[in-house]
Amino acid sequence: MANKVEISGVNTSRLPVISAARSTELLERIKAGDAAAREEFITGNMRLVLSIVKRFGSRKASGDDIFQAGCVGLIKAIDNFDLSVGVRFSTYAVPMIIGEIKRFLRGGNSLRISRSIRDTAYKVLKTRENIEAEDKEATIGEIAERLAIEEREVVYALDAISDTVSLYDPVYNKAGDTLLLMDQISDETNTEEIWTERVALASAMDALDERERNILFLRYYEGKTQTEISEKVGLSQAQVSRLEKNALREVRDLMSQNL
């Protein structure tokens, strides 16, 4: 496929090359609705699509089909590109072209989704939109209730039409540096605030006597009831309850001092 001159009826040896200045000019005209500029810009960027298609040359899908999928990604990039962000068009377009090709390849190798499941999914999406328009939270339960179906049907339908992505798919920041999707996902379980609270909690727990510390550990780390704890430590349930409350009060006071 790498040595192929014609692909999808396009003679690749004759594809034009457009300069950066010409690209900017064409993009400005495209945003103004110039159809001729759009056509020229698409043709002028087909070499970019072709260079990406070569990466998928070992796949079983035909080169023509992969090239056409890449062109769809190119057109989507053109429609969504914003000149004001200060990024080169190619930087913005490459991940969209790759993504469209990967979606095509996944679609060709995955299980077919039945029409009934797709219909359910579209009804779910429409219902969710209606609920959110009412300034309400579109929960799975609320959607299922309005459609008179089981919650599991809502979840299954949405899963069936969703596109899977890899954490190693490339994304780009405004400076044009290549980043992975996983680099853009924050870890909300280990923020600075939560980390500080954990340190303060550990310090407060260390300040308790061994019996109080043991009761809190059994109650909140092992999830035991006060009755179960009373049997384990040899105290009445009322004593365990009183010690637990005193220990929690002391922990809160110590944490407020440390934060």
C-alpha atoms as a PDB file:
ATOM      1  CA  MET A   1       0.000   0.000   0.000  1.00  0.00           C
ATOM      2  CA  ALA A   2       2.936   2.324   0.713  1.00  0.00           C
ATOM      3  CA  ASN A   3       3.999   2.181  -2.969  1.00  0.00           C
ATOM      4  CA  LYS A   4       0.532   2.599  -4.361  1.00  0.00           C
ATOM      5  CA  VAL A   5       0.148   5.617  -6.661  1.00  0.00           C
ATOM      6  CA  GLU A   6      -3.647   5.641  -6.824  1.00  0.00           C
ATOM      7  CA  ILE A   7      -5.877   5.168  -3.796  1.00  0.00           C
ATOM      8  CA  SER A   8      -9.642   5.580  -3.716  1.00  0.00           C
ATOM      9  CA  GLY A   9      -9.418   6.993  -7.238  1.00  0.00           C
ATOM     10  CA  VAL A  10      -6.953   9.686  -6.151  1.00  0.00           C
ATOM     11  CA  ASN A  11      -3.594   9.920  -7.922  1.00  0.00           C
ATOM     12  CA  THR A  12      -1.372  10.503  -4.896  1.00  0.00           C
ATOM     13  CA  SER A  13       1.607  11.527  -6.996  1.00  0.00           C
ATOM     14  CA  ARG A  14      -0.309  14.590  -8.135  1.00  0.00           C
ATOM     15  CA  LEU A  15      -1.622  15.762  -4.800  1.00  0.00           C
ATOM     16  CA  PRO A  16      -0.796  19.464  -4.298  1.00  0.00           C
ATOM     17  CA  VAL A  17       1.221  20.889  -1.419  1.00  0.00           C
ATOM     18  CA  ILE A  18      -0.009  24.115   0.155  1.00  0.00           C
ATOM     19  CA  SER A  19       2.101  26.543   2.139  1.00  0.00           C
ATOM     20  CA  ALA A  20       1.402  27.592   5.735  1.00  0.00           C
ATOM     21  CA  ALA A  21       0.368  31.061   4.571  1.00  0.00           C
ATOM     22  CA  ARG A  22      -1.989  29.592   1.998  1.00  0.00           C
ATOM     23  CA  SER A  23      -3.438  27.240   4.629  1.00  0.00           C
ATOM     24  CA  THR A  24      -4.250  30.145   6.914  1.00  0.00           C
ATOM     25  CA  GLU A  25      -5.848  32.046   4.065  1.00  0.00           C
ATOM     26  CA  LEU A  26      -7.959  29.060   3.040  1.00  0.00           C
ATOM     27  CA  LEU A  27      -9.057  28.370   6.611  1.00  0.00           C
ATOM     28  CA  GLU A  28     -10.235  31.947   7.013  1.00  0.00           C
ATOM     29  CA  ARG A  29     -12.210  31.667   3.783  1.00  0.00           C
ATOM     30  CA  ILE A  30     -13.657  28.320   4.858  1.00  0.00           C
ATOM     31  CA  LYS A  31     -14.961  29.852   8.075  1.00  0.00           C
ATOM     32  CA  ALA A  32     -16.610  32.497   5.927  1.00  0.00           C
ATOM     33  CA  GLY A  33     -18.411  29.772   3.968  1.00  0.00           C
ATOM     34  CA  ASP A  34     -16.215  29.586   0.857  1.00  0.00           C
ATOM     35  CA  ALA A  35     -16.910  26.136  -0.676  1.00  0.00           C
ATOM     36  CA  ALA A  36     -14.091  26.407  -3.218  1.00  0.00           C
ATOM     37  CA  ALA A  37     -11.567  27.140  -0.478  1.00  0.00           C
ATOM     38  CA  ARG A  38     -12.835  24.130   1.450  1.00  0.00           C
ATOM     39  CA  GLU A  39     -12.356  21.845  -1.533  1.00  0.00           C
ATOM     40  CA  GLU A  40      -8.836  23.140  -2.160  1.00  0.00           C
ATOM     41  CA  PHE A  41      -7.917  22.761   1.503  1.00  0.00           C
ATOM     42  CA  ILE A  42      -9.182  19.173   1.661  1.00  0.00           C
ATOM     43  CA  THR A  43      -7.204  18.230  -1.439  1.00  0.00           C
ATOM     44  CA  GLY A  44      -4.150  20.056  -0.151  1.00  0.00           C
ATOM     45  CA  ASN A  45      -4.159  17.994   3.057  1.00  0.00           C
ATOM     46  CA  MET A  46      -4.691  14.562   1.547  1.00  0.00           C
ATOM     47  CA  ARG A  47      -0.951  13.941   1.711  1.00  0.00           C
ATOM     48  CA  LEU A  48      -1.302  14.240   5.495  1.00  0.00           C
ATOM     49  CA  VAL A  49      -4.001  11.553   5.430  1.00  0.00           C
ATOM     50  CA  LEU A  50      -1.865   9.376   3.177  1.00  0.00           C
ATOM     51  CA  SER A  51       1.129   9.590   5.532  1.00  0.00           C
ATOM     52  CA  ILE A  52      -1.078   8.369   8.404  1.00  0.00           C
ATOM     53  CA  VAL A  53      -2.682   5.620   6.317  1.00  0.00           C
ATOM     54  CA  LYS A  54       0.770   4.113   5.735  1.00  0.00           C
ATOM     55  CA  ARG A  55       0.985   3.379   9.471  1.00  0.00           C
ATOM     56  CA  PHE A  56      -1.939   0.977   9.088  1.00  0.00           C
ATOM     57  CA  GLY A  57      -0.554  -0.817   6.050  1.00  0.00           C
ATOM     58  CA  SER A  58      -0.367  -4.207   7.788  1.00  0.00           C
ATOM     59  CA  ARG A  59      -4.076  -4.254   8.680  1.00  0.00           C
ATOM     60  CA  LYS A  60      -6.436  -6.590   6.832  1.00  0.00           C
ATOM     61  CA  ALA A  61      -8.742  -3.747   5.790  1.00  0.00           C
ATOM     62  CA  SER A  62      -8.168  -2.356   2.301  1.00  0.00           C
ATOM     63  CA  GLY A  63      -6.019   0.719   1.852  1.00  0.00           C
ATOM     64  CA  ASP A  64      -8.865   2.458  -0.002  1.00  0.00           C
ATOM     65  CA  ASP A  65     -11.241   2.015   2.935  1.00  0.00           C
ATOM     66  CA  ILE A  66      -8.663   3.200   5.464  1.00  0.00           C
ATOM     67  CA  PHE A  67      -7.855   6.234   3.314  1.00  0.00           C
ATOM     68  CA  GLN A  68     -11.547   7.138   3.056  1.00  0.00           C
ATOM     69  CA  ALA A  69     -11.915   6.848   6.839  1.00  0.00           C
ATOM     70  CA  GLY A  70      -8.896   9.136   7.237  1.00  0.00           C
ATOM     71  CA  CYS A  71     -10.483  11.675   4.897  1.00  0.00           C
ATOM     72  CA  VAL A  72     -13.592  11.665   7.080  1.00  0.00           C
ATOM     73  CA  GLY A  73     -11.348  12.505  10.035  1.00  0.00           C
ATOM     74  CA  LEU A  74      -9.711  15.266   7.989  1.00  0.00           C
ATOM     75  CA  ILE A  75     -13.089  16.824   7.171  1.00  0.00           C
ATOM     76  CA  LYS A  76     -14.148  16.658  10.822  1.00  0.00           C
ATOM     77  CA  ALA A  77     -10.919  18.392  11.784  1.00  0.00           C
ATOM     78  CA  ILE A  78     -11.568  21.148   9.231  1.00  0.00           C
ATOM     79  CA  ASP A  79     -15.104  21.661  10.535  1.00  0.00           C
ATOM     80  CA  ASN A  80     -13.965  21.917  14.163  1.00  0.00           C
ATOM     81  CA  PHE A  81     -10.632  23.718  13.834  1.00  0.00           C
ATOM     82  CA  ASP A  82     -10.299  27.116  15.485  1.00  0.00           C
ATOM     83  CA  LEU A  83      -7.601  29.417  14.119  1.00  0.00           C
ATOM     84  CA  SER A  84      -7.571  31.468  17.312  1.00  0.00           C
ATOM     85  CA  VAL A  85      -5.997  28.708  19.424  1.00  0.00           C
ATOM     86  CA  GLY A  86      -2.625  29.245  17.735  1.00  0.00           C
ATOM     87  CA  VAL A  87      -2.000  25.583  16.832  1.00  0.00           C
ATOM     88  CA  ARG A  88      -0.994  24.338  13.396  1.00  0.00           C
ATOM     89  CA  PHE A  89      -3.839  22.610  11.586  1.00  0.00           C
ATOM     90  CA  SER A  90      -1.810  19.424  11.093  1.00  0.00           C
ATOM     91  CA  THR A  91      -1.169  19.225  14.838  1.00  0.00           C
ATOM     92  CA  TYR A  92      -4.900  19.389  15.466  1.00  0.00           C
ATOM     93  CA  ALA A  93      -5.899  17.123  12.583  1.00  0.00           C
ATOM     94  CA  VAL A  94      -3.561  14.152  13.106  1.00  0.00           C
ATOM     95  CA  PRO A  95      -5.269  12.699  16.220  1.00  0.00           C
ATOM     96  CA  MET A  96      -8.706  13.162  14.629  1.00  0.00           C
ATOM     97  CA  ILE A  97      -7.614  11.337  11.473  1.00  0.00           C
ATOM     98  CA  ILE A  98      -6.050   8.523  13.507  1.00  0.00           C
ATOM     99  CA  GLY A  99      -9.141   8.313  15.689  1.00  0.00           C
ATOM    100  CA  GLU A 100     -11.461   8.020  12.696  1.00  0.00           C
ATOM    101  CA  ILE A 101      -9.323   5.274  11.172  1.00  0.00           C
ATOM    102  CA  LYS A 102      -9.258   3.362  14.469  1.00  0.00           C
ATOM    103  CA  ARG A 103     -13.035   3.659  14.775  1.00  0.00           C
ATOM    104  CA  PHE A 104     -13.385   2.260  11.265  1.00  0.00           C
ATOM    105  CA  LEU A 105     -11.054  -0.645  12.038  1.00  0.00           C
ATOM    106  CA  ARG A 106     -12.833  -1.414  15.312  1.00  0.00           C
ATOM    107  CA  GLY A 107     -16.176  -1.334  13.545  1.00  0.00           C
ATOM    108  CA  GLY A 108     -14.991  -3.821  10.977  1.00  0.00           C
ATOM    109  CA  ASN A 109     -13.769  -6.277  13.592  1.00  0.00           C
ATOM    110  CA  SER A 110     -16.383  -5.922  16.328  1.00  0.00           C
ATOM    111  CA  LEU A 111     -19.758  -7.508  16.903  1.00  0.00           C
ATOM    112  CA  ARG A 112     -22.658  -5.954  15.046  1.00  0.00           C
ATOM    113  CA  ILE A 113     -25.070  -3.982  17.209  1.00  0.00           C
ATOM    114  CA  SER A 114     -28.699  -4.865  16.588  1.00  0.00           C
ATOM    115  CA  ARG A 115     -31.139  -2.238  15.363  1.00  0.00           C
ATOM    116  CA  SER A 116     -33.289  -2.606  18.488  1.00  0.00           C
ATOM    117  CA  ILE A 117     -30.348  -1.846  20.779  1.00  0.00           C
ATOM    118  CA  ARG A 118     -29.410   1.185  18.693  1.00  0.00           C
ATOM    119  CA  ASP A 119     -33.015   2.414  18.814  1.00  0.00           C
ATOM    120  CA  THR A 120     -33.010   2.044  22.590  1.00  0.00           C
ATOM    121  CA  ALA A 121     -29.720   3.917  22.820  1.00  0.00           C
ATOM    122  CA  TYR A 122     -31.041   6.831  20.774  1.00  0.00           C
ATOM    123  CA  LYS A 123     -34.181   6.989  22.944  1.00  0.00           C
ATOM    124  CA  VAL A 124     -31.967   7.001  26.028  1.00  0.00           C
ATOM    125  CA  LEU A 125     -29.866   9.864  24.656  1.00  0.00           C
ATOM    126  CA  LYS A 126     -32.972  11.859  23.766  1.00  0.00           C
ATOM    127  CA  THR A 127     -34.512  11.254  27.183  1.00  0.00           C
ATOM    128  CA  ARG A 128     -31.290  12.282  28.899  1.00  0.00           C
ATOM    129  CA  GLU A 129     -31.275  15.484  26.869  1.00  0.00           C
ATOM    130  CA  ASN A 130     -34.885  16.210  27.872  1.00  0.00           C
ATOM    131  CA  ILE A 131     -34.167  15.612  31.559  1.00  0.00           C
ATOM    132  CA  GLU A 132     -31.109  17.854  31.528  1.00  0.00           C
ATOM    133  CA  ALA A 133     -33.153  20.548  29.776  1.00  0.00           C
ATOM    134  CA  GLU A 134     -35.360  20.525  32.880  1.00  0.00           C
ATOM    135  CA  ASP A 135     -32.274  21.274  35.018  1.00  0.00           C
ATOM    136  CA  LYS A 136     -32.463  17.834  36.589  1.00  0.00           C
ATOM    137  CA  GLU A 137     -29.828  15.152  37.005  1.00  0.00           C
ATOM    138  CA  ALA A 138     -30.248  12.538  34.287  1.00  0.00           C
ATOM    139  CA  THR A 139     -29.621   9.418  36.350  1.00  0.00           C
ATOM    140  CA  ILE A 140     -29.874   5.899  34.963  1.00  0.00           C
ATOM    141  CA  GLY A 141     -32.899   5.314  37.178  1.00  0.00           C
ATOM    142  CA  GLU A 142     -34.716   8.425  35.964  1.00  0.00           C
ATOM    143  CA  ILE A 143     -34.073   7.586  32.314  1.00  0.00           C
ATOM    144  CA  ALA A 144     -35.235   3.993  32.813  1.00  0.00           C
ATOM    145  CA  GLU A 145     -38.401   5.156  34.563  1.00  0.00           C
ATOM    146  CA  ARG A 146     -39.356   7.559  31.777  1.00  0.00           C
ATOM    147  CA  LEU A 147     -38.757   4.923  29.112  1.00  0.00           C
ATOM    148  CA  ALA A 148     -40.428   2.192  31.186  1.00  0.00           C
ATOM    149  CA  ILE A 149     -37.462  -0.152  30.807  1.00  0.00           C
ATOM    150  CA  GLU A 150     -34.987  -1.814  33.165  1.00  0.00           C
ATOM    151  CA  GLU A 151     -31.945   0.168  34.300  1.00  0.00           C
ATOM    152  CA  ARG A 152     -29.661  -2.552  32.931  1.00  0.00           C
ATOM    153  CA  GLU A 153     -31.160  -1.990  29.466  1.00  0.00           C
ATOM    154  CA  VAL A 154     -30.190   1.686  29.653  1.00  0.00           C
ATOM    155  CA  VAL A 155     -26.617   0.827  30.658  1.00  0.00           C
ATOM    156  CA  TYR A 156     -26.296  -1.898  28.009  1.00  0.00           C
ATOM    157  CA  ALA A 157     -27.612   0.330  25.225  1.00  0.00           C
ATOM    158  CA  LEU A 158     -25.213   3.153  26.069  1.00  0.00           C
ATOM    159  CA  ASP A 159     -22.270   0.760  26.310  1.00  0.00           C
ATOM    160  CA  ALA A 160     -23.159  -0.733  22.929  1.00  0.00           C
ATOM    161  CA  ILE A 161     -22.869   2.556  21.040  1.00  0.00           C
ATOM    162  CA  SER A 162     -19.925   4.040  22.908  1.00  0.00           C
ATOM    163  CA  ASP A 163     -16.527   4.235  21.232  1.00  0.00           C
ATOM    164  CA  THR A 164     -13.687   2.771  23.236  1.00  0.00           C
ATOM    165  CA  VAL A 165     -10.476   4.771  23.378  1.00  0.00           C
ATOM    166  CA  SER A 166      -7.008   3.901  24.539  1.00  0.00           C
ATOM    167  CA  LEU A 167      -5.295   5.781  27.342  1.00  0.00           C
ATOM    168  CA  TYR A 168      -2.332   5.835  24.981  1.00  0.00           C
ATOM    169  CA  ASP A 169      -4.181   7.660  22.181  1.00  0.00           C
ATOM    170  CA  PRO A 170      -2.383  10.935  21.352  1.00  0.00           C
ATOM    171  CA  VAL A 171      -3.836  14.329  22.201  1.00  0.00           C
ATOM    172  CA  TYR A 172      -2.275  17.763  21.760  1.00  0.00           C
ATOM    173  CA  ASN A 173      -2.036  20.874  23.861  1.00  0.00           C
ATOM    174  CA  LYS A 174      -2.012  24.405  22.484  1.00  0.00           C
ATOM    175  CA  ALA A 175       1.754  24.449  22.209  1.00  0.00           C
ATOM    176  CA  GLY A 176       1.621  21.559  19.786  1.00  0.00           C
ATOM    177  CA  ASP A 177       3.436  19.100  22.059  1.00  0.00           C
ATOM    178  CA  THR A 178       2.353  15.482  21.764  1.00  0.00           C
ATOM    179  CA  LEU A 179       0.667  14.170  24.895  1.00  0.00           C
ATOM    180  CA  LEU A 180      -1.130  10.937  25.719  1.00  0.00           C
ATOM    181  CA  LEU A 181      -4.739  10.837  26.829  1.00  0.00           C
ATOM    182  CA  MET A 182      -3.664   9.347  30.159  1.00  0.00           C
ATOM    183  CA  ASP A 183      -1.524  12.464  30.763  1.00  0.00           C
ATOM    184  CA  GLN A 184      -4.704  14.555  30.739  1.00  0.00           C
ATOM    185  CA  ILE A 185      -6.631  12.489  33.312  1.00  0.00           C
ATOM    186  CA  SER A 186      -6.378  13.794  36.831  1.00  0.00           C
ATOM    187  CA  ASP A 187      -6.289  11.554  39.883  1.00  0.00           C
ATOM    188  CA  GLU A 188      -8.987  12.955  42.152  1.00  0.00           C
ATOM    189  CA  THR A 189      -8.171  10.394  44.833  1.00  0.00           C
ATOM    190  CA  ASN A 190      -4.730  11.872  45.496  1.00  0.00           C
ATOM    191  CA  THR A 191      -5.121  15.629  45.409  1.00  0.00           C
ATOM    192  CA  GLU A 192      -2.982  17.791  47.687  1.00  0.00           C
ATOM    193  CA  GLU A 193      -5.991  18.517  49.893  1.00  0.00           C
ATOM    194  CA  ILE A 194      -6.872  14.839  50.319  1.00  0.00           C
ATOM    195  CA  TRP A 195      -3.235  13.943  50.940  1.00  0.00           C
ATOM    196  CA  THR A 196      -3.025  16.601  53.687  1.00  0.00           C
ATOM    197  CA  GLU A 197      -6.215  15.299  55.291  1.00  0.00           C
ATOM    198  CA  ARG A 198      -4.841  11.771  55.305  1.00  0.00           C
ATOM    199  CA  VAL A 199      -1.655  12.907  57.040  1.00  0.00           C
ATOM    200  CA  ALA A 200      -3.709  14.823  59.624  1.00  0.00           C
ATOM    201  CA  LEU A 201      -5.963  11.789  60.172  1.00  0.00           C
ATOM    202  CA  ALA A 202      -3.004   9.451  60.647  1.00  0.00           C
ATOM    203  CA  SER A 203      -1.494  11.867  63.155  1.00  0.00           C
ATOM    204  CA  ALA A 204      -4.777  12.140  65.056  1.00  0.00           C
ATOM    205  CA  MET A 205      -5.212   8.350  65.150  1.00  0.00           C
ATOM    206  CA  ASP A 206      -1.711   7.946  66.573  1.00  0.00           C
ATOM    207  CA  ALA A 207      -2.678  10.295  69.418  1.00  0.00           C
ATOM    208  CA  LEU A 208      -5.521   8.007  70.594  1.00  0.00           C
ATOM    209  CA  ASP A 209      -4.978   5.313  73.177  1.00  0.00           C
ATOM    210  CA  GLU A 210      -4.722   1.767  71.885  1.00  0.00           C
ATOM    211  CA  ARG A 211      -8.273   0.770  72.839  1.00  0.00           C
ATOM    212  CA  GLU A 212      -9.899   3.757  71.113  1.00  0.00           C
ATOM    213  CA  ARG A 213      -7.708   3.295  68.054  1.00  0.00           C
ATOM    214  CA  ASN A 214      -8.653  -0.383  67.880  1.00  0.00           C
ATOM    215  CA  ILE A 215     -12.365   0.389  68.123  1.00  0.00           C
ATOM    216  CA  LEU A 216     -12.207   2.938  65.274  1.00  0.00           C
ATOM    217  CA  PHE A 217     -10.187   0.527  63.159  1.00  0.00           C
ATOM    218  CA  LEU A 218     -12.709  -2.288  63.649  1.00  0.00           C
ATOM    219  CA  ARG A 219     -15.659   0.055  63.102  1.00  0.00           C
ATOM    220  CA  TYR A 220     -14.538   2.060  60.060  1.00  0.00           C
ATOM    221  CA  TYR A 221     -11.827  -0.014  58.396  1.00  0.00           C
ATOM    222  CA  GLU A 222     -13.241  -3.503  58.890  1.00  0.00           C
ATOM    223  CA  GLY A 223     -16.886  -2.362  58.890  1.00  0.00           C
ATOM    224  CA  LYS A 224     -17.913  -4.235  62.043  1.00  0.00           C
ATOM    225  CA  THR A 225     -20.991  -3.325  64.076  1.00  0.00           C
ATOM    226  CA  GLN A 226     -20.755  -2.079  67.661  1.00  0.00           C
ATOM    227  CA  THR A 227     -22.197  -5.403  68.846  1.00  0.00           C
ATOM    228  CA  GLU A 228     -19.505  -7.350  66.982  1.00  0.00           C
ATOM    229  CA  ILE A 229     -16.821  -5.056  68.397  1.00  0.00           C
ATOM    230  CA  SER A 230     -18.145  -5.453  71.938  1.00  0.00           C
ATOM    231  CA  GLU A 231     -17.818  -9.224  71.675  1.00  0.00           C
ATOM    232  CA  LYS A 232     -14.299  -8.903  70.261  1.00  0.00           C
ATOM    233  CA  VAL A 233     -12.902  -6.452  72.843  1.00  0.00           C
ATOM    234  CA  GLY A 234     -14.867  -7.699  75.866  1.00  0.00           C
ATOM    235  CA  LEU A 235     -16.889  -4.534  76.522  1.00  0.00           C
ATOM    236  CA  SER A 236     -20.608  -3.801  76.467  1.00  0.00           C
ATOM    237  CA  GLN A 237     -22.158  -2.265  73.359  1.00  0.00           C
ATOM    238  CA  ALA A 238     -22.883   0.910  75.356  1.00  0.00           C
ATOM    239  CA  GLN A 239     -19.223   1.204  76.365  1.00  0.00           C
ATOM    240  CA  VAL A 240     -18.098   0.681  72.785  1.00  0.00           C
ATOM    241  CA  SER A 241     -20.540   3.358  71.607  1.00  0.00           C
ATOM    242  CA  ARG A 242     -19.271   5.852  74.201  1.00  0.00           C
ATOM    243  CA  LEU A 243     -15.611   5.159  73.418  1.00  0.00           C
ATOM    244  CA  GLU A 244     -16.291   5.468  69.692  1.00  0.00           C
ATOM    245  CA  LYS A 245     -17.979   8.857  70.081  1.00  0.00           C
ATOM    246  CA  ASN A 246     -15.204  10.149  72.338  1.00  0.00           C
ATOM    247  CA  ALA A 247     -12.534   8.928  69.918  1.00  0.00           C
ATOM    248  CA  LEU A 248     -14.239  10.541  66.914  1.00  0.00           C
ATOM    249  CA  ARG A 249     -14.585  13.825  68.773  1.00  0.00           C
ATOM    250  CA  GLU A 250     -10.894  13.749  69.687  1.00  0.00           C
ATOM    251  CA  VAL A 251      -9.888  12.935  66.094  1.00  0.00           C
ATOM    252  CA  ARG A 252     -11.940  15.842  64.727  1.00  0.00           C
ATOM    253  CA  ASP A 253     -10.401  18.238  67.250  1.00  0.00           C
ATOM    254  CA  LEU A 254      -6.867  17.090  66.471  1.00  0.00           C
ATOM    255  CA  MET A 255      -7.410  17.258  62.712  1.00  0.00           C
ATOM    256  CA  SER A 256      -8.798  20.802  62.933  1.00  0.00           C
ATOM    257  CA  GLN A 257      -5.609  21.810  64.733  1.00  0.00           C
ATOM    258  CA  ASN A 258      -3.348  20.173  62.150  1.00  0.00           C
ATOM    259  CA  LEU A 259      -5.088  21.414  58.972  1.00  0.00           C
END
